[in-house]
Amino acid sequence: MRCVPRSRVQAVLRPASLLLACLLASCATVRLPMHPAGWSARLQTLQRNDDWDMQGRAAVAAGSRGWQASVDWRQRPTSTVVHLSGPLGVGATLLRLDVGGLSVNGAPPSRAGVAAMQRRLGFDLPVSQLRFWLLGVPDPAAAFSLSFNAQKRVAQLAQSGWTVQFLRYRPYRGDWLPKLLVLRNDGVRVRIFVDRWRGVR
């Protein structure tokens, strides 16, 4: 029987040991799955929510313009009503979105009214999608991408040209809802701080 020198055995085993160590290290640094356990069910529950209120504050930077306002958001099954009021820029603006379209300050829905709102605010406010983003979920009607934080809550959402970062959450009825979110799109930044949630199931 021929004996193999120990040095040769070690030379053969060393690369295999290094490969095994690398594989174990890569397993130890696996990131959170794209969709954490239970996320799909929670996503559907929040997307179905259509009767809730939110009070908060918004700060907008759009190019060289900027303004701040308090936000009173009333979501109902057949309509979205948003009241913006504040000392800077926008004064008071009432938006209503329903099956007839978007109404601004009580005027009948029209393209001219929407254009006037865009000029007044400094950008096109995505009201129909924001109702979902405020809850920390994407609009089910459009493609999106998500990333999650260490607590398995949404950290960032990208949809329809907007990027939404969820910087803070707050406890609500045994769950967690967004408290601070920042929206960005083509030179526009909208920072929303939520003071109160009501009615979210």
C-alpha atoms as a PDB file:
ATOM      1  CA  MET A   1       0.000   0.000   0.000  1.00  0.00           C
ATOM      2  CA  ARG A   2       1.383   3.395  -1.016  1.00  0.00           C
ATOM      3  CA  CYS A   3       1.268   6.155   1.586  1.00  0.00           C
ATOM      4  CA  VAL A   4       0.437   9.669   0.445  1.00  0.00           C
ATOM      5  CA  PRO A   5       2.506  12.374   2.137  1.00  0.00           C
ATOM      6  CA  ARG A   6       0.579  14.482   4.656  1.00  0.00           C
ATOM      7  CA  SER A   7       1.616  17.681   2.918  1.00  0.00           C
ATOM      8  CA  ARG A   8      -0.056  16.523  -0.290  1.00  0.00           C
ATOM      9  CA  VAL A   9      -3.266  15.595   1.576  1.00  0.00           C
ATOM     10  CA  GLN A  10      -3.351  19.045   3.168  1.00  0.00           C
ATOM     11  CA  ALA A  11      -2.783  20.669  -0.212  1.00  0.00           C
ATOM     12  CA  VAL A  12      -5.796  18.823  -1.612  1.00  0.00           C
ATOM     13  CA  LEU A  13      -8.059  19.494   1.374  1.00  0.00           C
ATOM     14  CA  ARG A  14      -7.217  23.194   1.795  1.00  0.00           C
ATOM     15  CA  PRO A  15      -9.101  24.434  -1.333  1.00  0.00           C
ATOM     16  CA  ALA A  16     -12.088  22.280  -0.431  1.00  0.00           C
ATOM     17  CA  SER A  17     -12.105  23.717   3.085  1.00  0.00           C
ATOM     18  CA  LEU A  18     -11.931  27.249   1.739  1.00  0.00           C
ATOM     19  CA  LEU A  19     -14.820  26.553  -0.638  1.00  0.00           C
ATOM     20  CA  LEU A  20     -16.929  25.129   2.211  1.00  0.00           C
ATOM     21  CA  ALA A  21     -16.145  28.156   4.390  1.00  0.00           C
ATOM     22  CA  CYS A  22     -17.211  30.524   1.603  1.00  0.00           C
ATOM     23  CA  LEU A  23     -20.459  28.667   1.095  1.00  0.00           C
ATOM     24  CA  LEU A  24     -21.240  28.785   4.811  1.00  0.00           C
ATOM     25  CA  ALA A  25     -20.429  32.505   4.936  1.00  0.00           C
ATOM     26  CA  SER A  26     -22.737  33.227   2.015  1.00  0.00           C
ATOM     27  CA  CYS A  27     -25.546  31.343   3.758  1.00  0.00           C
ATOM     28  CA  ALA A  28     -25.011  33.429   6.882  1.00  0.00           C
ATOM     29  CA  THR A  29     -25.511  36.688   4.956  1.00  0.00           C
ATOM     30  CA  VAL A  30     -28.663  35.790   3.018  1.00  0.00           C
ATOM     31  CA  ARG A  31     -30.924  38.852   2.861  1.00  0.00           C
ATOM     32  CA  LEU A  32     -34.577  38.980   3.750  1.00  0.00           C
ATOM     33  CA  PRO A  33     -36.839  37.436   1.115  1.00  0.00           C
ATOM     34  CA  MET A  34     -38.454  39.823  -1.351  1.00  0.00           C
ATOM     35  CA  HIS A  35     -41.839  39.043   0.148  1.00  0.00           C
ATOM     36  CA  PRO A  36     -41.662  38.216   3.894  1.00  0.00           C
ATOM     37  CA  ALA A  37     -43.957  35.586   5.344  1.00  0.00           C
ATOM     38  CA  GLY A  38     -47.503  36.897   5.715  1.00  0.00           C
ATOM     39  CA  TRP A  39     -46.861  39.870   3.435  1.00  0.00           C
ATOM     40  CA  SER A  40     -49.238  38.774   0.671  1.00  0.00           C
ATOM     41  CA  ALA A  41     -52.184  38.536   3.072  1.00  0.00           C
ATOM     42  CA  ARG A  42     -51.344  41.879   4.698  1.00  0.00           C
ATOM     43  CA  LEU A  43     -50.920  43.487   1.277  1.00  0.00           C
ATOM     44  CA  GLN A  44     -54.403  42.437   0.170  1.00  0.00           C
ATOM     45  CA  THR A  45     -55.961  43.579   3.448  1.00  0.00           C
ATOM     46  CA  LEU A  46     -54.458  47.067   3.209  1.00  0.00           C
ATOM     47  CA  GLN A  47     -55.243  47.431  -0.487  1.00  0.00           C
ATOM     48  CA  ARG A  48     -58.902  46.660   0.245  1.00  0.00           C
ATOM     49  CA  ASN A  49     -59.082  49.384   2.902  1.00  0.00           C
ATOM     50  CA  ASP A  50     -61.317  52.094   1.467  1.00  0.00           C
ATOM     51  CA  ASP A  51     -62.836  53.826   4.516  1.00  0.00           C
ATOM     52  CA  TRP A  52     -60.293  55.656   6.664  1.00  0.00           C
ATOM     53  CA  ASP A  53     -59.014  59.098   7.652  1.00  0.00           C
ATOM     54  CA  MET A  54     -55.524  60.500   7.986  1.00  0.00           C
ATOM     55  CA  GLN A  55     -54.354  63.813   9.403  1.00  0.00           C
ATOM     56  CA  GLY A  56     -50.804  64.999   8.902  1.00  0.00           C
ATOM     57  CA  ARG A  57     -48.430  67.523   7.379  1.00  0.00           C
ATOM     58  CA  ALA A  58     -46.697  67.811   4.017  1.00  0.00           C
ATOM     59  CA  ALA A  59     -43.587  69.684   2.901  1.00  0.00           C
ATOM     60  CA  VAL A  60     -42.997  69.978  -0.844  1.00  0.00           C
ATOM     61  CA  ALA A  61     -39.918  71.006  -2.818  1.00  0.00           C
ATOM     62  CA  ALA A  62     -40.569  71.265  -6.565  1.00  0.00           C
ATOM     63  CA  GLY A  63     -37.724  72.884  -8.450  1.00  0.00           C
ATOM     64  CA  SER A  64     -37.230  76.364  -7.018  1.00  0.00           C
ATOM     65  CA  ARG A  65     -40.638  76.300  -5.318  1.00  0.00           C
ATOM     66  CA  GLY A  66     -41.518  74.985  -1.902  1.00  0.00           C
ATOM     67  CA  TRP A  67     -44.512  74.985   0.399  1.00  0.00           C
ATOM     68  CA  GLN A  68     -45.927  73.359   3.511  1.00  0.00           C
ATOM     69  CA  ALA A  69     -49.484  72.425   4.388  1.00  0.00           C
ATOM     70  CA  SER A  70     -51.572  70.440   6.802  1.00  0.00           C
ATOM     71  CA  VAL A  71     -53.265  67.430   5.207  1.00  0.00           C
ATOM     72  CA  ASP A  72     -56.729  66.075   5.979  1.00  0.00           C
ATOM     73  CA  TRP A  73     -57.279  62.902   3.921  1.00  0.00           C
ATOM     74  CA  ARG A  74     -60.693  61.229   3.917  1.00  0.00           C
ATOM     75  CA  GLN A  75     -60.851  57.975   2.032  1.00  0.00           C
ATOM     76  CA  ARG A  76     -64.276  56.523   1.288  1.00  0.00           C
ATOM     77  CA  PRO A  77     -65.404  53.566  -0.856  1.00  0.00           C
ATOM     78  CA  THR A  78     -66.542  55.814  -3.720  1.00  0.00           C
ATOM     79  CA  SER A  79     -64.394  58.924  -3.257  1.00  0.00           C
ATOM     80  CA  THR A  80     -61.168  60.462  -2.027  1.00  0.00           C
ATOM     81  CA  VAL A  81     -61.296  63.908  -0.432  1.00  0.00           C
ATOM     82  CA  VAL A  82     -58.070  65.756   0.377  1.00  0.00           C
ATOM     83  CA  HIS A  83     -57.979  69.121   2.105  1.00  0.00           C
ATOM     84  CA  LEU A  84     -54.660  70.981   2.008  1.00  0.00           C
ATOM     85  CA  SER A  85     -54.251  74.125   4.093  1.00  0.00           C
ATOM     86  CA  GLY A  86     -51.232  76.096   5.204  1.00  0.00           C
ATOM     87  CA  PRO A  87     -49.546  79.478   5.293  1.00  0.00           C
ATOM     88  CA  LEU A  88     -47.102  78.817   2.476  1.00  0.00           C
ATOM     89  CA  GLY A  89     -47.826  78.588  -1.215  1.00  0.00           C
ATOM     90  CA  VAL A  90     -51.027  76.640  -1.605  1.00  0.00           C
ATOM     91  CA  GLY A  91     -53.346  78.459   0.771  1.00  0.00           C
ATOM     92  CA  ALA A  92     -56.367  76.149   0.961  1.00  0.00           C
ATOM     93  CA  THR A  93     -57.063  73.531  -1.692  1.00  0.00           C
ATOM     94  CA  LEU A  94     -59.837  70.928  -1.692  1.00  0.00           C
ATOM     95  CA  LEU A  95     -59.425  67.921  -3.978  1.00  0.00           C
ATOM     96  CA  ARG A  96     -62.130  65.340  -4.618  1.00  0.00           C
ATOM     97  CA  LEU A  97     -61.585  62.242  -6.722  1.00  0.00           C
ATOM     98  CA  ASP A  98     -64.509  59.997  -7.657  1.00  0.00           C
ATOM     99  CA  VAL A  99     -65.842  58.143 -10.695  1.00  0.00           C
ATOM    100  CA  GLY A 100     -66.518  61.494 -12.373  1.00  0.00           C
ATOM    101  CA  GLY A 101     -62.879  62.566 -12.171  1.00  0.00           C
ATOM    102  CA  LEU A 102     -60.803  64.973 -10.103  1.00  0.00           C
ATOM    103  CA  SER A 103     -62.521  68.103  -8.796  1.00  0.00           C
ATOM    104  CA  VAL A 104     -60.558  71.093  -7.472  1.00  0.00           C
ATOM    105  CA  ASN A 105     -62.152  73.449  -4.927  1.00  0.00           C
ATOM    106  CA  GLY A 106     -65.675  72.296  -5.777  1.00  0.00           C
ATOM    107  CA  ALA A 107     -65.473  72.987  -9.503  1.00  0.00           C
ATOM    108  CA  PRO A 108     -66.732  70.309 -11.910  1.00  0.00           C
ATOM    109  CA  PRO A 109     -64.007  67.851 -12.989  1.00  0.00           C
ATOM    110  CA  SER A 110     -62.126  69.110 -16.056  1.00  0.00           C
ATOM    111  CA  ARG A 111     -58.706  69.065 -17.649  1.00  0.00           C
ATOM    112  CA  ALA A 112     -58.419  72.784 -17.060  1.00  0.00           C
ATOM    113  CA  GLY A 113     -59.063  72.281 -13.359  1.00  0.00           C
ATOM    114  CA  VAL A 114     -56.408  69.564 -13.114  1.00  0.00           C
ATOM    115  CA  ALA A 115     -53.913  71.776 -14.982  1.00  0.00           C
ATOM    116  CA  ALA A 116     -54.666  74.644 -12.601  1.00  0.00           C
ATOM    117  CA  MET A 117     -54.085  72.343  -9.635  1.00  0.00           C
ATOM    118  CA  GLN A 118     -50.738  71.229 -11.063  1.00  0.00           C
ATOM    119  CA  ARG A 119     -49.654  74.851 -11.474  1.00  0.00           C
ATOM    120  CA  ARG A 120     -50.839  75.675  -7.967  1.00  0.00           C
ATOM    121  CA  LEU A 121     -49.063  72.747  -6.316  1.00  0.00           C
ATOM    122  CA  GLY A 122     -46.033  72.770  -8.596  1.00  0.00           C
ATOM    123  CA  PHE A 123     -46.416  69.141  -9.702  1.00  0.00           C
ATOM    124  CA  ASP A 124     -48.984  66.485 -10.604  1.00  0.00           C
ATOM    125  CA  LEU A 125     -50.194  64.977  -7.312  1.00  0.00           C
ATOM    126  CA  PRO A 126     -50.861  61.221  -7.842  1.00  0.00           C
ATOM    127  CA  VAL A 127     -54.039  61.170  -5.729  1.00  0.00           C
ATOM    128  CA  SER A 128     -55.338  57.807  -6.973  1.00  0.00           C
ATOM    129  CA  GLN A 129     -52.080  56.037  -6.093  1.00  0.00           C
ATOM    130  CA  LEU A 130     -51.210  58.021  -2.989  1.00  0.00           C
ATOM    131  CA  ARG A 131     -54.209  56.504  -1.192  1.00  0.00           C
ATOM    132  CA  PHE A 132     -52.329  53.173  -1.299  1.00  0.00           C
ATOM    133  CA  TRP A 133     -48.835  54.544  -0.702  1.00  0.00           C
ATOM    134  CA  LEU A 134     -49.952  56.257   2.502  1.00  0.00           C
ATOM    135  CA  LEU A 135     -50.833  52.814   3.879  1.00  0.00           C
ATOM    136  CA  GLY A 136     -47.436  51.436   2.887  1.00  0.00           C
ATOM    137  CA  VAL A 137     -48.593  49.333  -0.069  1.00  0.00           C
ATOM    138  CA  PRO A 138     -48.479  49.691  -3.884  1.00  0.00           C
ATOM    139  CA  ASP A 139     -51.414  50.525  -6.123  1.00  0.00           C
ATOM    140  CA  PRO A 140     -52.602  47.118  -7.416  1.00  0.00           C
ATOM    141  CA  ALA A 141     -53.338  48.612 -10.845  1.00  0.00           C
ATOM    142  CA  ALA A 142     -49.702  49.284 -11.829  1.00  0.00           C
ATOM    143  CA  ALA A 143     -46.344  47.506 -11.838  1.00  0.00           C
ATOM    144  CA  PHE A 144     -44.101  48.109  -8.823  1.00  0.00           C
ATOM    145  CA  SER A 145     -40.974  47.023  -6.987  1.00  0.00           C
ATOM    146  CA  LEU A 146     -40.421  46.811  -3.234  1.00  0.00           C
ATOM    147  CA  SER A 147     -37.634  46.468  -0.698  1.00  0.00           C
ATOM    148  CA  PHE A 148     -38.058  45.665   2.987  1.00  0.00           C
ATOM    149  CA  ASN A 149     -36.346  46.739   6.204  1.00  0.00           C
ATOM    150  CA  ALA A 150     -35.070  44.553   9.039  1.00  0.00           C
ATOM    151  CA  GLN A 151     -38.559  44.562  10.631  1.00  0.00           C
ATOM    152  CA  LYS A 152     -39.992  43.128   7.385  1.00  0.00           C
ATOM    153  CA  ARG A 153     -41.916  46.309   6.639  1.00  0.00           C
ATOM    154  CA  VAL A 154     -41.716  48.092   3.318  1.00  0.00           C
ATOM    155  CA  ALA A 155     -38.660  50.360   3.214  1.00  0.00           C
ATOM    156  CA  GLN A 156     -38.966  51.578  -0.371  1.00  0.00           C
ATOM    157  CA  LEU A 157     -41.576  51.392  -3.114  1.00  0.00           C
ATOM    158  CA  ALA A 158     -41.063  52.301  -6.771  1.00  0.00           C
ATOM    159  CA  GLN A 159     -44.143  52.777  -8.950  1.00  0.00           C
ATOM    160  CA  SER A 160     -45.251  54.935 -11.900  1.00  0.00           C
ATOM    161  CA  GLY A 161     -42.033  56.960 -11.907  1.00  0.00           C
ATOM    162  CA  TRP A 162     -42.216  57.718  -8.181  1.00  0.00           C
ATOM    163  CA  THR A 163     -39.934  56.425  -5.445  1.00  0.00           C
ATOM    164  CA  VAL A 164     -41.471  56.282  -1.974  1.00  0.00           C
ATOM    165  CA  GLN A 165     -39.268  55.819   1.088  1.00  0.00           C
ATOM    166  CA  PHE A 166     -40.893  54.789   4.358  1.00  0.00           C
ATOM    167  CA  LEU A 167     -38.613  56.233   7.029  1.00  0.00           C
ATOM    168  CA  ARG A 168     -40.737  55.647  10.126  1.00  0.00           C
ATOM    169  CA  TYR A 169     -43.724  53.569  11.177  1.00  0.00           C
ATOM    170  CA  ARG A 170     -46.103  53.959  14.107  1.00  0.00           C
ATOM    171  CA  PRO A 171     -48.114  51.329  16.006  1.00  0.00           C
ATOM    172  CA  TYR A 172     -51.808  51.240  15.199  1.00  0.00           C
ATOM    173  CA  ARG A 173     -54.316  48.680  16.504  1.00  0.00           C
ATOM    174  CA  GLY A 174     -51.724  45.971  16.895  1.00  0.00           C
ATOM    175  CA  ASP A 175     -50.192  46.705  13.499  1.00  0.00           C
ATOM    176  CA  TRP A 176     -47.748  49.250  12.072  1.00  0.00           C
ATOM    177  CA  LEU A 177     -48.633  52.023   9.618  1.00  0.00           C
ATOM    178  CA  PRO A 178     -46.371  54.651   8.015  1.00  0.00           C
ATOM    179  CA  LYS A 179     -45.542  57.716  10.085  1.00  0.00           C
ATOM    180  CA  LEU A 180     -42.984  59.425   7.837  1.00  0.00           C
ATOM    181  CA  LEU A 181     -42.651  58.903   4.087  1.00  0.00           C
ATOM    182  CA  VAL A 182     -40.801  60.750   1.344  1.00  0.00           C
ATOM    183  CA  LEU A 183     -41.907  60.728  -2.304  1.00  0.00           C
ATOM    184  CA  ARG A 184     -39.532  61.671  -5.132  1.00  0.00           C
ATOM    185  CA  ASN A 185     -40.094  62.081  -8.857  1.00  0.00           C
ATOM    186  CA  ASP A 186     -38.130  64.142 -11.389  1.00  0.00           C
ATOM    187  CA  GLY A 187     -37.015  66.998  -9.166  1.00  0.00           C
ATOM    188  CA  VAL A 188     -40.060  66.857  -6.862  1.00  0.00           C
ATOM    189  CA  ARG A 189     -39.801  65.818  -3.226  1.00  0.00           C
ATOM    190  CA  VAL A 190     -42.872  65.414  -1.020  1.00  0.00           C
ATOM    191  CA  ARG A 191     -42.328  64.727   2.668  1.00  0.00           C
ATOM    192  CA  ILE A 192     -45.432  63.533   4.548  1.00  0.00           C
ATOM    193  CA  PHE A 193     -45.615  63.221   8.325  1.00  0.00           C
ATOM    194  CA  VAL A 194     -48.684  61.389   9.643  1.00  0.00           C
ATOM    195  CA  ASP A 195     -50.092  62.700  12.917  1.00  0.00           C
ATOM    196  CA  ARG A 196     -53.131  60.449  13.169  1.00  0.00           C
ATOM    197  CA  TRP A 197     -54.753  57.419  11.565  1.00  0.00           C
ATOM    198  CA  ARG A 198     -58.391  56.500  12.000  1.00  0.00           C
ATOM    199  CA  GLY A 199     -60.523  53.650  10.681  1.00  0.00           C
ATOM    200  CA  VAL A 200     -57.806  51.514   9.046  1.00  0.00           C
ATOM    201  CA  ARG A 201     -58.630  47.834   9.481  1.00  0.00           C
END
